[in-house]
PDB file of N, CA and C in Angstrom:
ATOM      1  N   MET A   1      97.330 122.555  96.868  1.00  0.00           N
ATOM      2  CA  MET A   1      97.954 121.483  96.126  1.00  0.00           C
ATOM      3  C   MET A   1      97.453 121.550  94.681  1.00  0.00           C
ATOM      4  N   ALA A   2      98.350 121.532  93.738  1.00  0.00           N
ATOM      5  CA  ALA A   2      97.985 121.603  92.327  1.00  0.00           C
ATOM      6  C   ALA A   2      97.790 120.205  91.756  1.00  0.00           C
ATOM      7  N   LEU A   3      96.953 120.109  90.751  1.00  0.00           N
ATOM      8  CA  LEU A   3      96.759 118.835  90.067  1.00  0.00           C
ATOM      9  C   LEU A   3      97.920 118.578  89.117  1.00  0.00           C
ATOM     10  N   VAL A   4      98.303 117.333  88.983  1.00  0.00           N
ATOM     11  CA  VAL A   4      99.360 116.951  88.053  1.00  0.00           C
ATOM     12  C   VAL A   4      98.734 116.752  86.685  1.00  0.00           C
ATOM     13  N   ARG A   5      99.348 117.312  85.660  1.00  0.00           N
ATOM     14  CA  ARG A   5      98.831 117.142  84.301  1.00  0.00           C
ATOM     15  C   ARG A   5      98.899 115.666  83.918  1.00  0.00           C
ATOM     16  N   PRO A   6      97.891 115.177  83.187  1.00  0.00           N
ATOM     17  CA  PRO A   6      97.924 113.782  82.748  1.00  0.00           C
ATOM     18  C   PRO A   6      99.102 113.556  81.804  1.00  0.00           C
ATOM     19  N   HIS A   7      99.694 112.365  81.876  1.00  0.00           N
ATOM     20  CA  HIS A   7     100.794 112.044  80.978  1.00  0.00           C
ATOM     21  C   HIS A   7     100.474 110.760  80.231  1.00  0.00           C
ATOM     22  N   GLY A   8     101.234 110.452  79.239  1.00  0.00           N
ATOM     23  CA  GLY A   8     100.956 109.309  78.382  1.00  0.00           C
ATOM     24  C   GLY A   8     100.495 109.805  77.031  1.00  0.00           C
ATOM     25  N   LYS A   9     100.106 108.865  76.165  1.00  0.00           N
ATOM     26  CA  LYS A   9      99.771 109.269  74.793  1.00  0.00           C
ATOM     27  C   LYS A   9      98.460 110.045  74.700  1.00  0.00           C
ATOM     28  N   ASP A  10      97.498 109.784  75.602  1.00  0.00           N
ATOM     29  CA  ASP A  10      96.205 110.470  75.520  1.00  0.00           C
ATOM     30  C   ASP A  10      96.273 111.911  76.024  1.00  0.00           C
ATOM     31  N   ARG A  11      96.938 112.106  77.147  1.00  0.00           N
ATOM     32  CA  ARG A  11      97.060 113.418  77.795  1.00  0.00           C
ATOM     33  C   ARG A  11      95.710 114.087  78.038  1.00  0.00           C
ATOM     34  N   THR A  12      94.717 113.282  78.326  1.00  0.00           N
ATOM     35  CA  THR A  12      93.398 113.810  78.662  1.00  0.00           C
ATOM     36  C   THR A  12      92.931 113.156  79.961  1.00  0.00           C
ATOM     37  N   LEU A  13      92.112 113.868  80.699  1.00  0.00           N
ATOM     38  CA  LEU A  13      91.540 113.304  81.918  1.00  0.00           C
ATOM     39  C   LEU A  13      90.446 112.320  81.546  1.00  0.00           C
ATOM     40  N   LYS A  14      90.344 111.234  82.291  1.00  0.00           N
ATOM     41  CA  LYS A  14      89.329 110.225  82.028  1.00  0.00           C
ATOM     42  C   LYS A  14      88.326 110.212  83.176  1.00  0.00           C
ATOM     43  N   VAL A  15      87.060 110.188  82.848  1.00  0.00           N
ATOM     44  CA  VAL A  15      86.014 110.104  83.859  1.00  0.00           C
ATOM     45  C   VAL A  15      85.951 108.654  84.334  1.00  0.00           C
ATOM     46  N   LEU A  16      86.170 108.431  85.618  1.00  0.00           N
ATOM     47  CA  LEU A  16      86.197 107.076  86.152  1.00  0.00           C
ATOM     48  C   LEU A  16      84.924 106.714  86.911  1.00  0.00           C
ATOM     49  N   LEU A  17      84.028 107.670  87.104  1.00  0.00           N
ATOM     50  CA  LEU A  17      82.758 107.389  87.760  1.00  0.00           C
ATOM     51  C   LEU A  17      81.766 106.863  86.731  1.00  0.00           C
ATOM     52  N   VAL A  18      80.940 105.902  87.130  1.00  0.00           N
ATOM     53  CA  VAL A  18      79.928 105.368  86.219  1.00  0.00           C
ATOM     54  C   VAL A  18      78.544 105.618  86.804  1.00  0.00           C
ATOM     55  N   HIS A  19      77.565 105.684  85.943  1.00  0.00           N
ATOM     56  CA  HIS A  19      76.183 105.876  86.379  1.00  0.00           C
ATOM     57  C   HIS A  19      75.632 104.557  86.900  1.00  0.00           C
ATOM     58  N   ASP A  20      74.508 104.622  87.597  1.00  0.00           N
ATOM     59  CA  ASP A  20      73.926 103.442  88.240  1.00  0.00           C
ATOM     60  C   ASP A  20      73.679 102.296  87.266  1.00  0.00           C
ATOM     61  N   GLU A  21      73.205 102.616  86.049  1.00  0.00           N
ATOM     62  CA  GLU A  21      72.910 101.558  85.083  1.00  0.00           C
ATOM     63  C   GLU A  21      74.189 100.804  84.715  1.00  0.00           C
ATOM     64  N   GLU A  22      75.248 101.538  84.473  1.00  0.00           N
ATOM     65  CA  GLU A  22      76.503 100.918  84.059  1.00  0.00           C
ATOM     66  C   GLU A  22      77.227 100.276  85.242  1.00  0.00           C
ATOM     67  N   LYS A  23      76.942 100.750  86.446  1.00  0.00           N
ATOM     68  CA  LYS A  23      77.606 100.241  87.639  1.00  0.00           C
ATOM     69  C   LYS A  23      77.340  98.753  87.827  1.00  0.00           C
ATOM     70  N   GLU A  24      76.090  98.339  87.672  1.00  0.00           N
ATOM     71  CA  GLU A  24      75.742  96.924  87.823  1.00  0.00           C
ATOM     72  C   GLU A  24      76.496  96.069  86.810  1.00  0.00           C
ATOM     73  N   GLU A  25      76.570  96.550  85.581  1.00  0.00           N
ATOM     74  CA  GLU A  25      77.274  95.823  84.523  1.00  0.00           C
ATOM     75  C   GLU A  25      78.768  95.695  84.862  1.00  0.00           C
ATOM     76  N   GLN A  26      79.356  96.766  85.350  1.00  0.00           N
ATOM     77  CA  GLN A  26      80.776  96.751  85.688  1.00  0.00           C
ATOM     78  C   GLN A  26      81.050  95.847  86.895  1.00  0.00           C
ATOM     79  N   LEU A  27      80.141  95.810  87.859  1.00  0.00           N
ATOM     80  CA  LEU A  27      80.318  94.928  89.013  1.00  0.00           C
ATOM     81  C   LEU A  27      80.274  93.463  88.592  1.00  0.00           C
ATOM     82  N   LYS A  28      79.369  93.117  87.683  1.00  0.00           N
ATOM     83  CA  LYS A  28      79.297  91.742  87.177  1.00  0.00           C
ATOM     84  C   LYS A  28      80.579  91.386  86.440  1.00  0.00           C
ATOM     85  N   ARG A  29      81.083  92.329  85.666  1.00  0.00           N
ATOM     86  CA  ARG A  29      82.324  92.108  84.924  1.00  0.00           C
ATOM     87  C   ARG A  29      83.492  91.906  85.895  1.00  0.00           C
ATOM     88  N   ALA A  30      83.521  92.686  86.968  1.00  0.00           N
ATOM     89  CA  ALA A  30      84.605  92.607  87.943  1.00  0.00           C
ATOM     90  C   ALA A  30      84.607  91.270  88.680  1.00  0.00           C
ATOM     91  N   GLU A  31      83.437  90.681  88.878  1.00  0.00           N
ATOM     92  CA  GLU A  31      83.364  89.390  89.567  1.00  0.00           C
ATOM     93  C   GLU A  31      84.101  88.307  88.797  1.00  0.00           C
ATOM     94  N   GLY A  32      84.180  88.438  87.479  1.00  0.00           N
ATOM     95  CA  GLY A  32      84.845  87.440  86.652  1.00  0.00           C
ATOM     96  C   GLY A  32      86.351  87.614  86.552  1.00  0.00           C
ATOM     97  N   LEU A  33      86.882  88.704  87.098  1.00  0.00           N
ATOM     98  CA  LEU A  33      88.320  88.942  87.023  1.00  0.00           C
ATOM     99  C   LEU A  33      89.065  88.102  88.050  1.00  0.00           C
ATOM    100  N   LYS A  34      90.319  87.801  87.738  1.00  0.00           N
ATOM    101  CA  LYS A  34      91.157  87.031  88.645  1.00  0.00           C
ATOM    102  C   LYS A  34      91.456  87.865  89.885  1.00  0.00           C
ATOM    103  N   LYS A  35      91.342  87.257  91.052  1.00  0.00           N
ATOM    104  CA  LYS A  35      91.624  87.952  92.305  1.00  0.00           C
ATOM    105  C   LYS A  35      93.103  87.765  92.646  1.00  0.00           C
ATOM    106  N   VAL A  36      93.773  88.858  92.921  1.00  0.00           N
ATOM    107  CA  VAL A  36      95.192  88.832  93.246  1.00  0.00           C
ATOM    108  C   VAL A  36      95.357  89.171  94.721  1.00  0.00           C
ATOM    109  N   PRO A  37      95.922  88.238  95.502  1.00  0.00           N
ATOM    110  CA  PRO A  37      96.111  88.527  96.924  1.00  0.00           C
ATOM    111  C   PRO A  37      97.201  89.588  97.114  1.00  0.00           C
ATOM    112  N   ILE A  38      96.931  90.521  98.004  1.00  0.00           N
ATOM    113  CA  ILE A  38      97.883  91.600  98.287  1.00  0.00           C
ATOM    114  C   ILE A  38      98.032  91.713  99.795  1.00  0.00           C
ATOM    115  N   ASN A  39      99.271  91.865 100.236  1.00  0.00           N
ATOM    116  CA  ASN A  39      99.489  92.106 101.658  1.00  0.00           C
ATOM    117  C   ASN A  39     100.352  93.348 101.827  1.00  0.00           C
ATOM    118  N   SER A  40     100.552  93.766 103.054  1.00  0.00           N
ATOM    119  CA  SER A  40     101.269  95.011 103.318  1.00  0.00           C
ATOM    120  C   SER A  40     102.786  94.843 103.319  1.00  0.00           C
ATOM    121  N   ARG A  41     103.259  93.649 103.173  1.00  0.00           N
ATOM    122  CA  ARG A  41     104.710  93.438 103.190  1.00  0.00           C
ATOM    123  C   ARG A  41     105.176  93.114 101.856  1.00  0.00           C
TER     124      ARG A  41
END
């Protein structure tokens, strides 16, 4: 299976993994976001 080239204005791959130090900060930030209920239907 081949990778799909990124599209959009950046056209670059983005690193989505964070290191342990930044992980705690991102988790705290995520707690403040609005929760959206999702179901399978």
